[in-house]
């Protein structure tokens, strides 16, 4: 999604990959989350 930050318009994407899941047992597994940020200013990283 997009958002407004102090340094200007920005966006991010979150991915969630199941770790140790079998079939549909996704609530019984762990999840590896990663965030990609698209920033107008590097000063906005912590806020994002």
ModelCIF file with pLDDT and N, C-alpha, C, O atoms, coordinates in Angstrom:
data_MODEL
#
_entry.id   MODEL 
#
_entity.id                         1 
_entity.type                       polymer 
_entity.pdbx_number_of_molecules   1 
#
_entity_poly.entity_id                      1 
_entity_poly.type                           'polypeptide(L)' 
_entity_poly.nstd_linkage                   no 
_entity_poly.nstd_monomer                   no 
_entity_poly.pdbx_seq_one_letter_code       
;(UNK)(UNK)(UNK)(UNK)(UNK)(UNK)(UNK)(UNK)(UNK)(UNK)(UNK)(UNK)(UNK)(UNK)(UNK)(UNK)
(UNK)(UNK)(UNK)(UNK)(UNK)(UNK)(UNK)(UNK)(UNK)(UNK)(UNK)(UNK)(UNK)(UNK)(UNK)(UNK)
(UNK)(UNK)(UNK)(UNK)(UNK)(UNK)(UNK)(UNK)(UNK)(UNK)(UNK)(UNK)(UNK)(UNK)(UNK)(UNK)
;
_entity_poly.pdbx_seq_one_letter_code_can   XXXXXXXXXXXXXXXXXXXXXXXXXXXXXXXXXXXXXXXXXXXXXXXX 
_entity_poly.pdbx_strand_id                 A 
#
loop_
_entity_poly_seq.entity_id 
_entity_poly_seq.num 
_entity_poly_seq.mon_id 
_entity_poly_seq.hetero 
1 1  UNK n 
1 2  UNK n 
1 3  UNK n 
1 4  UNK n 
1 5  UNK n 
1 6  UNK n 
1 7  UNK n 
1 8  UNK n 
1 9  UNK n 
1 10 UNK n 
1 11 UNK n 
1 12 UNK n 
1 13 UNK n 
1 14 UNK n 
1 15 UNK n 
1 16 UNK n 
1 17 UNK n 
1 18 UNK n 
1 19 UNK n 
1 20 UNK n 
1 21 UNK n 
1 22 UNK n 
1 23 UNK n 
1 24 UNK n 
1 25 UNK n 
1 26 UNK n 
1 27 UNK n 
1 28 UNK n 
1 29 UNK n 
1 30 UNK n 
1 31 UNK n 
1 32 UNK n 
1 33 UNK n 
1 34 UNK n 
1 35 UNK n 
1 36 UNK n 
1 37 UNK n 
1 38 UNK n 
1 39 UNK n 
1 40 UNK n 
1 41 UNK n 
1 42 UNK n 
1 43 UNK n 
1 44 UNK n 
1 45 UNK n 
1 46 UNK n 
1 47 UNK n 
1 48 UNK n 
#
_struct_asym.id          A 
_struct_asym.entity_id   1 
#
loop_
_ma_qa_metric.id 
_ma_qa_metric.mode 
_ma_qa_metric.name 
_ma_qa_metric.software_group_id 
_ma_qa_metric.type 
1 global pLDDT . pLDDT 
2 local  pLDDT . pLDDT 
#
_ma_qa_metric_global.metric_id      1 
_ma_qa_metric_global.metric_value   86.54 
_ma_qa_metric_global.model_id       1 
_ma_qa_metric_global.ordinal_id     1 
#
loop_
_ma_qa_metric_local.label_asym_id 
_ma_qa_metric_local.label_comp_id 
_ma_qa_metric_local.label_seq_id 
_ma_qa_metric_local.metric_id 
_ma_qa_metric_local.metric_value 
_ma_qa_metric_local.model_id 
_ma_qa_metric_local.ordinal_id 
A UNK 1  2 98.00 1 1  
A UNK 2  2 98.00 1 2  
A UNK 3  2 98.00 1 3  
A UNK 4  2 97.00 1 4  
A UNK 5  2 97.00 1 5  
A UNK 6  2 96.00 1 6  
A UNK 7  2 96.00 1 7  
A UNK 8  2 96.00 1 8  
A UNK 9  2 97.00 1 9  
A UNK 10 2 97.00 1 10 
A UNK 11 2 97.00 1 11 
A UNK 12 2 97.00 1 12 
A UNK 13 2 97.00 1 13 
A UNK 14 2 97.00 1 14 
A UNK 15 2 96.00 1 15 
A UNK 16 2 95.00 1 16 
A UNK 17 2 93.00 1 17 
A UNK 18 2 89.00 1 18 
A UNK 19 2 86.00 1 19 
A UNK 20 2 71.00 1 20 
A UNK 21 2 59.00 1 21 
A UNK 22 2 49.00 1 22 
A UNK 23 2 47.00 1 23 
A UNK 24 2 46.00 1 24 
A UNK 25 2 50.00 1 25 
A UNK 26 2 49.00 1 26 
A UNK 27 2 54.00 1 27 
A UNK 28 2 53.00 1 28 
A UNK 29 2 68.00 1 29 
A UNK 30 2 85.00 1 30 
A UNK 31 2 90.00 1 31 
A UNK 32 2 92.00 1 32 
A UNK 33 2 94.00 1 33 
A UNK 34 2 95.00 1 34 
A UNK 35 2 96.00 1 35 
A UNK 36 2 96.00 1 36 
A UNK 37 2 97.00 1 37 
A UNK 38 2 97.00 1 38 
A UNK 39 2 95.00 1 39 
A UNK 40 2 94.00 1 40 
A UNK 41 2 94.00 1 41 
A UNK 42 2 93.00 1 42 
A UNK 43 2 95.00 1 43 
A UNK 44 2 96.00 1 44 
A UNK 45 2 95.00 1 45 
A UNK 46 2 95.00 1 46 
A UNK 47 2 96.00 1 47 
A UNK 48 2 96.00 1 48 
#
loop_
_atom_site.group_PDB 
_atom_site.id 
_atom_site.type_symbol 
_atom_site.label_atom_id 
_atom_site.label_alt_id 
_atom_site.label_comp_id 
_atom_site.label_asym_id 
_atom_site.label_entity_id 
_atom_site.label_seq_id 
_atom_site.pdbx_PDB_ins_code 
_atom_site.Cartn_x 
_atom_site.Cartn_y 
_atom_site.Cartn_z 
_atom_site.occupancy 
_atom_site.B_iso_or_equiv 
_atom_site.pdbx_formal_charge 
_atom_site.auth_seq_id 
_atom_site.auth_comp_id 
_atom_site.auth_asym_id 
_atom_site.auth_atom_id 
_atom_site.pdbx_PDB_model_num 
ATOM 1   N N  . UNK A 1 1  ? 0.821  -1.201  0.000  1.00 98.00 ? 1  UNK A N  1 
ATOM 2   C CA . UNK A 1 1  ? 0.000  0.000   0.000  1.00 98.00 ? 1  UNK A CA 1 
ATOM 3   C C  . UNK A 1 1  ? 0.861  1.259   0.000  1.00 98.00 ? 1  UNK A C  1 
ATOM 4   O O  . UNK A 1 1  ? 2.048  1.222   0.324  1.00 98.00 ? 1  UNK A O  1 
ATOM 5   N N  . UNK A 1 2  ? 0.238  2.364   -0.368 1.00 98.00 ? 2  UNK A N  1 
ATOM 6   C CA . UNK A 1 2  ? 0.879  3.672   -0.328 1.00 98.00 ? 2  UNK A CA 1 
ATOM 7   C C  . UNK A 1 2  ? 0.559  4.362   0.992  1.00 98.00 ? 2  UNK A C  1 
ATOM 8   O O  . UNK A 1 2  ? -0.373 3.982   1.700  1.00 98.00 ? 2  UNK A O  1 
ATOM 9   N N  . UNK A 1 3  ? 1.347  5.378   1.307  1.00 98.00 ? 3  UNK A N  1 
ATOM 10  C CA . UNK A 1 3  ? 1.095  6.173   2.508  1.00 98.00 ? 3  UNK A CA 1 
ATOM 11  C C  . UNK A 1 3  ? 1.871  7.477   2.401  1.00 98.00 ? 3  UNK A C  1 
ATOM 12  O O  . UNK A 1 3  ? 2.750  7.627   1.553  1.00 98.00 ? 3  UNK A O  1 
ATOM 13  N N  . UNK A 1 4  ? 1.533  8.408   3.269  1.00 97.00 ? 4  UNK A N  1 
ATOM 14  C CA . UNK A 1 4  ? 2.254  9.671   3.341  1.00 97.00 ? 4  UNK A CA 1 
ATOM 15  C C  . UNK A 1 4  ? 3.164  9.661   4.560  1.00 97.00 ? 4  UNK A C  1 
ATOM 16  O O  . UNK A 1 4  ? 2.734  9.328   5.664  1.00 97.00 ? 4  UNK A O  1 
ATOM 17  N N  . UNK A 1 5  ? 4.415  10.027  4.355  1.00 97.00 ? 5  UNK A N  1 
ATOM 18  C CA . UNK A 1 5  ? 5.388  10.126  5.443  1.00 97.00 ? 5  UNK A CA 1 
ATOM 19  C C  . UNK A 1 5  ? 5.942  11.543  5.478  1.00 97.00 ? 5  UNK A C  1 
ATOM 20  O O  . UNK A 1 5  ? 5.749  12.294  4.522  1.00 97.00 ? 5  UNK A O  1 
ATOM 21  N N  . UNK A 1 6  ? 6.622  11.931  6.550  1.00 96.00 ? 6  UNK A N  1 
ATOM 22  C CA . UNK A 1 6  ? 7.130  13.304  6.630  1.00 96.00 ? 6  UNK A CA 1 
ATOM 23  C C  . UNK A 1 6  ? 7.995  13.706  5.435  1.00 96.00 ? 6  UNK A C  1 
ATOM 24  O O  . UNK A 1 6  ? 7.966  14.859  5.005  1.00 96.00 ? 6  UNK A O  1 
ATOM 25  N N  . UNK A 1 7  ? 8.768  12.750  4.898  1.00 96.00 ? 7  UNK A N  1 
ATOM 26  C CA . UNK A 1 7  ? 9.651  13.063  3.774  1.00 96.00 ? 7  UNK A CA 1 
ATOM 27  C C  . UNK A 1 7  ? 9.003  12.985  2.420  1.00 96.00 ? 7  UNK A C  1 
ATOM 28  O O  . UNK A 1 7  ? 9.652  13.258  1.410  1.00 96.00 ? 7  UNK A O  1 
ATOM 29  N N  . UNK A 1 8  ? 7.722  12.614  2.367  1.00 96.00 ? 8  UNK A N  1 
ATOM 30  C CA . UNK A 1 8  ? 7.025  12.543  1.081  1.00 96.00 ? 8  UNK A CA 1 
ATOM 31  C C  . UNK A 1 8  ? 6.257  11.252  0.914  1.00 96.00 ? 8  UNK A C  1 
ATOM 32  O O  . UNK A 1 8  ? 6.282  10.400  1.802  1.00 96.00 ? 8  UNK A O  1 
ATOM 33  N N  . UNK A 1 9  ? 5.572  11.090  -0.211 1.00 97.00 ? 9  UNK A N  1 
ATOM 34  C CA . UNK A 1 9  ? 4.808  9.866   -0.472 1.00 97.00 ? 9  UNK A CA 1 
ATOM 35  C C  . UNK A 1 9  ? 5.722  8.644   -0.447 1.00 97.00 ? 9  UNK A C  1 
ATOM 36  O O  . UNK A 1 9  ? 6.890  8.713   -0.829 1.00 97.00 ? 9  UNK A O  1 
ATOM 37  N N  . UNK A 1 10 ? 5.162  7.522   0.011  1.00 97.00 ? 10 UNK A N  1 
ATOM 38  C CA . UNK A 1 10 ? 5.941  6.295   0.143  1.00 97.00 ? 10 UNK A CA 1 
ATOM 39  C C  . UNK A 1 10 ? 5.023  5.099   -0.055 1.00 97.00 ? 10 UNK A C  1 
ATOM 40  O O  . UNK A 1 10 ? 3.804  5.237   -0.156 1.00 97.00 ? 10 UNK A O  1 
ATOM 41  N N  . UNK A 1 11 ? 5.634  3.929   -0.107 1.00 97.00 ? 11 UNK A N  1 
ATOM 42  C CA . UNK A 1 11 ? 4.857  2.698   -0.236 1.00 97.00 ? 11 UNK A CA 1 
ATOM 43  C C  . UNK A 1 11 ? 5.646  1.574   0.418  1.00 97.00 ? 11 UNK A C  1 
ATOM 44  O O  . UNK A 1 11 ? 6.849  1.684   0.654  1.00 97.00 ? 11 UNK A O  1 
ATOM 45  N N  . UNK A 1 12 ? 4.933  0.492   0.703  1.00 97.00 ? 12 UNK A N  1 
ATOM 46  C CA . UNK A 1 12 ? 5.604  -0.685  1.244  1.00 97.00 ? 12 UNK A CA 1 
ATOM 47  C C  . UNK A 1 12 ? 4.911  -1.939  0.732  1.00 97.00 ? 12 UNK A C  1 
ATOM 48  O O  . UNK A 1 12 ? 3.765  -1.900  0.285  1.00 97.00 ? 12 UNK A O  1 
ATOM 49  N N  . UNK A 1 13 ? 5.636  -3.052  0.808  1.00 97.00 ? 13 UNK A N  1 
ATOM 50  C CA . UNK A 1 13 ? 5.063  -4.362  0.536  1.00 97.00 ? 13 UNK A CA 1 
ATOM 51  C C  . UNK A 1 13 ? 5.525  -5.321  1.620  1.00 97.00 ? 13 UNK A C  1 
ATOM 52  O O  . UNK A 1 13 ? 6.710  -5.387  1.948  1.00 97.00 ? 13 UNK A O  1 
ATOM 53  N N  . UNK A 1 14 ? 4.558  -6.074  2.181  1.00 97.00 ? 14 UNK A N  1 
ATOM 54  C CA . UNK A 1 14 ? 4.852  -7.085  3.194  1.00 97.00 ? 14 UNK A CA 1 
ATOM 55  C C  . UNK A 1 14 ? 4.654  -8.447  2.553  1.00 97.00 ? 14 UNK A C  1 
ATOM 56  O O  . UNK A 1 14 ? 3.674  -8.658  1.838  1.00 97.00 ? 14 UNK A O  1 
ATOM 57  N N  . UNK A 1 15 ? 5.577  -9.377  2.801  1.00 96.00 ? 15 UNK A N  1 
ATOM 58  C CA . UNK A 1 15 ? 5.382  -10.757 2.388  1.00 96.00 ? 15 UNK A CA 1 
ATOM 59  C C  . UNK A 1 15 ? 5.438  -11.645 3.627  1.00 96.00 ? 15 UNK A C  1 
ATOM 60  O O  . UNK A 1 15 ? 6.206  -11.399 4.557  1.00 96.00 ? 15 UNK A O  1 
ATOM 61  N N  . UNK A 1 16 ? 4.607  -12.681 3.615  1.00 95.00 ? 16 UNK A N  1 
ATOM 62  C CA . UNK A 1 16 ? 4.576  -13.651 4.705  1.00 95.00 ? 16 UNK A CA 1 
ATOM 63  C C  . UNK A 1 16 ? 4.689  -15.044 4.104  1.00 95.00 ? 16 UNK A C  1 
ATOM 64  O O  . UNK A 1 16 ? 3.831  -15.467 3.330  1.00 95.00 ? 16 UNK A O  1 
ATOM 65  N N  . UNK A 1 17 ? 5.751  -15.750 4.464  1.00 93.00 ? 17 UNK A N  1 
ATOM 66  C CA . UNK A 1 17 ? 5.988  -17.098 3.965  1.00 93.00 ? 17 UNK A CA 1 
ATOM 67  C C  . UNK A 1 17 ? 5.910  -18.077 5.129  1.00 93.00 ? 17 UNK A C  1 
ATOM 68  O O  . UNK A 1 17 ? 6.543  -17.877 6.166  1.00 93.00 ? 17 UNK A O  1 
ATOM 69  N N  . UNK A 1 18 ? 5.128  -19.136 4.947  1.00 89.00 ? 18 UNK A N  1 
ATOM 70  C CA . UNK A 1 18 ? 4.971  -20.139 5.999  1.00 89.00 ? 18 UNK A CA 1 
ATOM 71  C C  . UNK A 1 18 ? 6.241  -20.965 6.143  1.00 89.00 ? 18 UNK A C  1 
ATOM 72  O O  . UNK A 1 18 ? 6.865  -21.363 5.160  1.00 89.00 ? 18 UNK A O  1 
ATOM 73  N N  . UNK A 1 19 ? 6.602  -21.207 7.388  1.00 86.00 ? 19 UNK A N  1 
ATOM 74  C CA . UNK A 1 19 ? 7.780  -22.019 7.697  1.00 86.00 ? 19 UNK A CA 1 
ATOM 75  C C  . UNK A 1 19 ? 7.314  -23.234 8.492  1.00 86.00 ? 19 UNK A C  1 
ATOM 76  O O  . UNK A 1 19 ? 6.800  -23.090 9.601  1.00 86.00 ? 19 UNK A O  1 
ATOM 77  N N  . UNK A 1 20 ? 7.489  -24.410 7.942  1.00 71.00 ? 20 UNK A N  1 
ATOM 78  C CA . UNK A 1 20 ? 7.102  -25.626 8.652  1.00 71.00 ? 20 UNK A CA 1 
ATOM 79  C C  . UNK A 1 20 ? 5.659  -26.008 8.479  1.00 71.00 ? 20 UNK A C  1 
ATOM 80  O O  . UNK A 1 20 ? 5.153  -26.841 9.230  1.00 71.00 ? 20 UNK A O  1 
ATOM 81  N N  . UNK A 1 21 ? 4.958  -25.412 7.486  1.00 59.00 ? 21 UNK A N  1 
ATOM 82  C CA . UNK A 1 21 ? 3.555  -25.747 7.269  1.00 59.00 ? 21 UNK A CA 1 
ATOM 83  C C  . UNK A 1 21 ? 3.441  -26.995 6.411  1.00 59.00 ? 21 UNK A C  1 
ATOM 84  O O  . UNK A 1 21 ? 4.283  -27.255 5.552  1.00 59.00 ? 21 UNK A O  1 
ATOM 85  N N  . UNK A 1 22 ? 2.394  -27.755 6.655  1.00 49.00 ? 22 UNK A N  1 
ATOM 86  C CA . UNK A 1 22 ? 2.090  -28.910 5.818  1.00 49.00 ? 22 UNK A CA 1 
ATOM 87  C C  . UNK A 1 22 ? 0.635  -28.798 5.396  1.00 49.00 ? 22 UNK A C  1 
ATOM 88  O O  . UNK A 1 22 ? -0.263 -28.756 6.237  1.00 49.00 ? 22 UNK A O  1 
ATOM 89  N N  . UNK A 1 23 ? 0.402  -28.750 4.079  1.00 47.00 ? 23 UNK A N  1 
ATOM 90  C CA . UNK A 1 23 ? -0.966 -28.637 3.588  1.00 47.00 ? 23 UNK A CA 1 
ATOM 91  C C  . UNK A 1 23 ? -1.605 -27.356 4.064  1.00 47.00 ? 23 UNK A C  1 
ATOM 92  O O  . UNK A 1 23 ? -1.050 -26.271 3.889  1.00 47.00 ? 23 UNK A O  1 
ATOM 93  N N  . UNK A 1 24 ? -2.781 -27.480 4.670  1.00 46.00 ? 24 UNK A N  1 
ATOM 94  C CA . UNK A 1 24 ? -3.541 -26.303 5.115  1.00 46.00 ? 24 UNK A CA 1 
ATOM 95  C C  . UNK A 1 24 ? -3.258 -25.929 6.558  1.00 46.00 ? 24 UNK A C  1 
ATOM 96  O O  . UNK A 1 24 ? -3.956 -25.085 7.119  1.00 46.00 ? 24 UNK A O  1 
ATOM 97  N N  . UNK A 1 25 ? -2.238 -26.544 7.179  1.00 50.00 ? 25 UNK A N  1 
ATOM 98  C CA . UNK A 1 25 ? -1.990 -26.314 8.597  1.00 50.00 ? 25 UNK A CA 1 
ATOM 99  C C  . UNK A 1 25 ? -1.216 -25.027 8.826  1.00 50.00 ? 25 UNK A C  1 
ATOM 100 O O  . UNK A 1 25 ? -0.215 -25.009 9.542  1.00 50.00 ? 25 UNK A O  1 
ATOM 101 N N  . UNK A 1 26 ? -1.691 -23.948 8.209  1.00 49.00 ? 26 UNK A N  1 
ATOM 102 C CA . UNK A 1 26 ? -0.939 -22.700 8.272  1.00 49.00 ? 26 UNK A CA 1 
ATOM 103 C C  . UNK A 1 26 ? -1.029 -22.009 9.616  1.00 49.00 ? 26 UNK A C  1 
ATOM 104 O O  . UNK A 1 26 ? -0.176 -21.178 9.929  1.00 49.00 ? 26 UNK A O  1 
ATOM 105 N N  . UNK A 1 27 ? -2.030 -22.321 10.420 1.00 54.00 ? 27 UNK A N  1 
ATOM 106 C CA . UNK A 1 27 ? -2.115 -21.711 11.744 1.00 54.00 ? 27 UNK A CA 1 
ATOM 107 C C  . UNK A 1 27 ? -1.226 -22.412 12.754 1.00 54.00 ? 27 UNK A C  1 
ATOM 108 O O  . UNK A 1 27 ? -1.053 -21.934 13.875 1.00 54.00 ? 27 UNK A O  1 
ATOM 109 N N  . UNK A 1 28 ? -0.649 -23.568 12.349 1.00 53.00 ? 28 UNK A N  1 
ATOM 110 C CA . UNK A 1 28 ? 0.220  -24.305 13.262 1.00 53.00 ? 28 UNK A CA 1 
ATOM 111 C C  . UNK A 1 28 ? 1.684  -24.098 12.922 1.00 53.00 ? 28 UNK A C  1 
ATOM 112 O O  . UNK A 1 28 ? 2.551  -24.770 13.481 1.00 53.00 ? 28 UNK A O  1 
ATOM 113 N N  . UNK A 1 29 ? 1.971  -23.179 12.014 1.00 68.00 ? 29 UNK A N  1 
ATOM 114 C CA . UNK A 1 29 ? 3.349  -22.984 11.576 1.00 68.00 ? 29 UNK A CA 1 
ATOM 115 C C  . UNK A 1 29 ? 3.857  -21.618 12.015 1.00 68.00 ? 29 UNK A C  1 
ATOM 116 O O  . UNK A 1 29 ? 3.120  -20.804 12.570 1.00 68.00 ? 29 UNK A O  1 
ATOM 117 N N  . UNK A 1 30 ? 5.131  -21.397 11.749 1.00 85.00 ? 30 UNK A N  1 
ATOM 118 C CA . UNK A 1 30 ? 5.720  -20.075 11.955 1.00 85.00 ? 30 UNK A CA 1 
ATOM 119 C C  . UNK A 1 30 ? 5.663  -19.316 10.629 1.00 85.00 ? 30 UNK A C  1 
ATOM 120 O O  . UNK A 1 30 ? 5.488  -19.898 9.559  1.00 85.00 ? 30 UNK A O  1 
ATOM 121 N N  . UNK A 1 31 ? 5.816  -18.013 10.739 1.00 90.00 ? 31 UNK A N  1 
ATOM 122 C CA . UNK A 1 31 ? 5.771  -17.180 9.539  1.00 90.00 ? 31 UNK A CA 1 
ATOM 123 C C  . UNK A 1 31 ? 7.008  -16.300 9.472  1.00 90.00 ? 31 UNK A C  1 
ATOM 124 O O  . UNK A 1 31 ? 7.427  -15.699 10.462 1.00 90.00 ? 31 UNK A O  1 
ATOM 125 N N  . UNK A 1 32 ? 7.570  -16.244 8.295  1.00 92.00 ? 32 UNK A N  1 
ATOM 126 C CA . UNK A 1 32 ? 8.709  -15.353 8.045  1.00 92.00 ? 32 UNK A CA 1 
ATOM 127 C C  . UNK A 1 32 ? 8.177  -14.127 7.323  1.00 92.00 ? 32 UNK A C  1 
ATOM 128 O O  . UNK A 1 32 ? 7.667  -14.222 6.207  1.00 92.00 ? 32 UNK A O  1 
ATOM 129 N N  . UNK A 1 33 ? 8.299  -12.986 7.965  1.00 94.00 ? 33 UNK A N  1 
ATOM 130 C CA . UNK A 1 33 ? 7.785  -11.739 7.406  1.00 94.00 ? 33 UNK A CA 1 
ATOM 131 C C  . UNK A 1 33 ? 8.932  -10.873 6.917  1.00 94.00 ? 33 UNK A C  1 
ATOM 132 O O  . UNK A 1 33 ? 9.957  -10.727 7.583  1.00 94.00 ? 33 UNK A O  1 
ATOM 133 N N  . UNK A 1 34 ? 8.733  -10.305 5.742  1.00 95.00 ? 34 UNK A N  1 
ATOM 134 C CA . UNK A 1 34 ? 9.715  -9.362  5.202  1.00 95.00 ? 34 UNK A CA 1 
ATOM 135 C C  . UNK A 1 34 ? 8.991  -8.119  4.713  1.00 95.00 ? 34 UNK A C  1 
ATOM 136 O O  . UNK A 1 34 ? 7.864  -8.182  4.223  1.00 95.00 ? 34 UNK A O  1 
ATOM 137 N N  . UNK A 1 35 ? 9.664  -6.998  4.859  1.00 96.00 ? 35 UNK A N  1 
ATOM 138 C CA . UNK A 1 35 ? 9.113  -5.703  4.485  1.00 96.00 ? 35 UNK A CA 1 
ATOM 139 C C  . UNK A 1 35 ? 10.022 -5.052  3.456  1.00 96.00 ? 35 UNK A C  1 
ATOM 140 O O  . UNK A 1 35 ? 11.236 -4.976  3.649  1.00 96.00 ? 35 UNK A O  1 
ATOM 141 N N  . UNK A 1 36 ? 9.436  -4.587  2.370  1.00 96.00 ? 36 UNK A N  1 
ATOM 142 C CA . UNK A 1 36 ? 10.157 -3.778  1.387  1.00 96.00 ? 36 UNK A CA 1 
ATOM 143 C C  . UNK A 1 36 ? 9.564  -2.380  1.415  1.00 96.00 ? 36 UNK A C  1 
ATOM 144 O O  . UNK A 1 36 ? 8.348  -2.208  1.332  1.00 96.00 ? 36 UNK A O  1 
ATOM 145 N N  . UNK A 1 37 ? 10.428 -1.388  1.532  1.00 97.00 ? 37 UNK A N  1 
ATOM 146 C CA . UNK A 1 37 ? 9.999  0.006   1.632  1.00 97.00 ? 37 UNK A CA 1 
ATOM 147 C C  . UNK A 1 37 ? 10.415 0.786   0.395  1.00 97.00 ? 37 UNK A C  1 
ATOM 148 O O  . UNK A 1 37 ? 11.517 0.611   -0.125 1.00 97.00 ? 37 UNK A O  1 
ATOM 149 N N  . UNK A 1 38 ? 9.527  1.642   -0.063 1.00 97.00 ? 38 UNK A N  1 
ATOM 150 C CA . UNK A 1 38 ? 9.805  2.558   -1.164 1.00 97.00 ? 38 UNK A CA 1 
ATOM 151 C C  . UNK A 1 38 ? 9.664  3.965   -0.589 1.00 97.00 ? 38 UNK A C  1 
ATOM 152 O O  . UNK A 1 38 ? 8.554  4.435   -0.342 1.00 97.00 ? 38 UNK A O  1 
ATOM 153 N N  . UNK A 1 39 ? 10.803 4.634   -0.379 1.00 95.00 ? 39 UNK A N  1 
ATOM 154 C CA . UNK A 1 39 ? 10.810 5.874   0.394  1.00 95.00 ? 39 UNK A CA 1 
ATOM 155 C C  . UNK A 1 39 ? 11.300 7.054   -0.431 1.00 95.00 ? 39 UNK A C  1 
ATOM 156 O O  . UNK A 1 39 ? 12.224 6.928   -1.234 1.00 95.00 ? 39 UNK A O  1 
ATOM 157 N N  . UNK A 1 40 ? 10.665 8.208   -0.220 1.00 94.00 ? 40 UNK A N  1 
ATOM 158 C CA . UNK A 1 40 ? 11.158 9.443   -0.814 1.00 94.00 ? 40 UNK A CA 1 
ATOM 159 C C  . UNK A 1 40 ? 12.369 9.954   -0.061 1.00 94.00 ? 40 UNK A C  1 
ATOM 160 O O  . UNK A 1 40 ? 13.216 10.637  -0.636 1.00 94.00 ? 40 UNK A O  1 
ATOM 161 N N  . UNK A 1 41 ? 12.461 9.626   1.239  1.00 94.00 ? 41 UNK A N  1 
ATOM 162 C CA . UNK A 1 41 ? 13.578 10.063  2.076  1.00 94.00 ? 41 UNK A CA 1 
ATOM 163 C C  . UNK A 1 41 ? 13.993 8.924   2.998  1.00 94.00 ? 41 UNK A C  1 
ATOM 164 O O  . UNK A 1 41 ? 13.147 8.292   3.630  1.00 94.00 ? 41 UNK A O  1 
ATOM 165 N N  . UNK A 1 42 ? 15.286 8.666   3.074  1.00 93.00 ? 42 UNK A N  1 
ATOM 166 C CA . UNK A 1 42 ? 15.777 7.611   3.966  1.00 93.00 ? 42 UNK A CA 1 
ATOM 167 C C  . UNK A 1 42 ? 15.505 7.942   5.429  1.00 93.00 ? 42 UNK A C  1 
ATOM 168 O O  . UNK A 1 42 ? 15.509 7.047   6.275  1.00 93.00 ? 42 UNK A O  1 
ATOM 169 N N  . UNK A 1 43 ? 15.271 9.206   5.735  1.00 95.00 ? 43 UNK A N  1 
ATOM 170 C CA . UNK A 1 43 ? 14.961 9.593   7.113  1.00 95.00 ? 43 UNK A CA 1 
ATOM 171 C C  . UNK A 1 43 ? 13.626 9.013   7.588  1.00 95.00 ? 43 UNK A C  1 
ATOM 172 O O  . UNK A 1 43 ? 13.357 8.981   8.789  1.00 95.00 ? 43 UNK A O  1 
ATOM 173 N N  . UNK A 1 44 ? 12.795 8.558   6.657  1.00 96.00 ? 44 UNK A N  1 
ATOM 174 C CA . UNK A 1 44 ? 11.477 8.032   7.006  1.00 96.00 ? 44 UNK A CA 1 
ATOM 175 C C  . UNK A 1 44 ? 11.486 6.537   7.324  1.00 96.00 ? 44 UNK A C  1 
ATOM 176 O O  . UNK A 1 44 ? 10.439 5.972   7.638  1.00 96.00 ? 44 UNK A O  1 
ATOM 177 N N  . UNK A 1 45 ? 12.639 5.894   7.248  1.00 95.00 ? 45 UNK A N  1 
ATOM 178 C CA . UNK A 1 45 ? 12.660 4.437   7.390  1.00 95.00 ? 45 UNK A CA 1 
ATOM 179 C C  . UNK A 1 45 ? 12.112 3.974   8.737  1.00 95.00 ? 45 UNK A C  1 
ATOM 180 O O  . UNK A 1 45 ? 11.280 3.068   8.786  1.00 95.00 ? 45 UNK A O  1 
ATOM 181 N N  . UNK A 1 46 ? 12.565 4.581   9.823  1.00 95.00 ? 46 UNK A N  1 
ATOM 182 C CA . UNK A 1 46 ? 12.122 4.145   11.152 1.00 95.00 ? 46 UNK A CA 1 
ATOM 183 C C  . UNK A 1 46 ? 10.613 4.349   11.317 1.00 95.00 ? 46 UNK A C  1 
ATOM 184 O O  . UNK A 1 46 ? 9.926  3.484   11.860 1.00 95.00 ? 46 UNK A O  1 
ATOM 185 N N  . UNK A 1 47 ? 10.100 5.488   10.850 1.00 96.00 ? 47 UNK A N  1 
ATOM 186 C CA . UNK A 1 47 ? 8.666  5.746   10.952 1.00 96.00 ? 47 UNK A CA 1 
ATOM 187 C C  . UNK A 1 47 ? 7.874  4.737   10.131 1.00 96.00 ? 47 UNK A C  1 
ATOM 188 O O  . UNK A 1 47 ? 6.831  4.259   10.577 1.00 96.00 ? 47 UNK A O  1 
ATOM 189 N N  . UNK A 1 48 ? 8.359  4.411   8.938  1.00 96.00 ? 48 UNK A N  1 
ATOM 190 C CA . UNK A 1 48 ? 7.661  3.442   8.093  1.00 96.00 ? 48 UNK A CA 1 
ATOM 191 C C  . UNK A 1 48 ? 7.624  2.070   8.757  1.00 96.00 ? 48 UNK A C  1 
ATOM 192 O O  . UNK A 1 48 ? 7.075  1.125   8.191  1.00 96.00 ? 48 UNK A O  1 
#
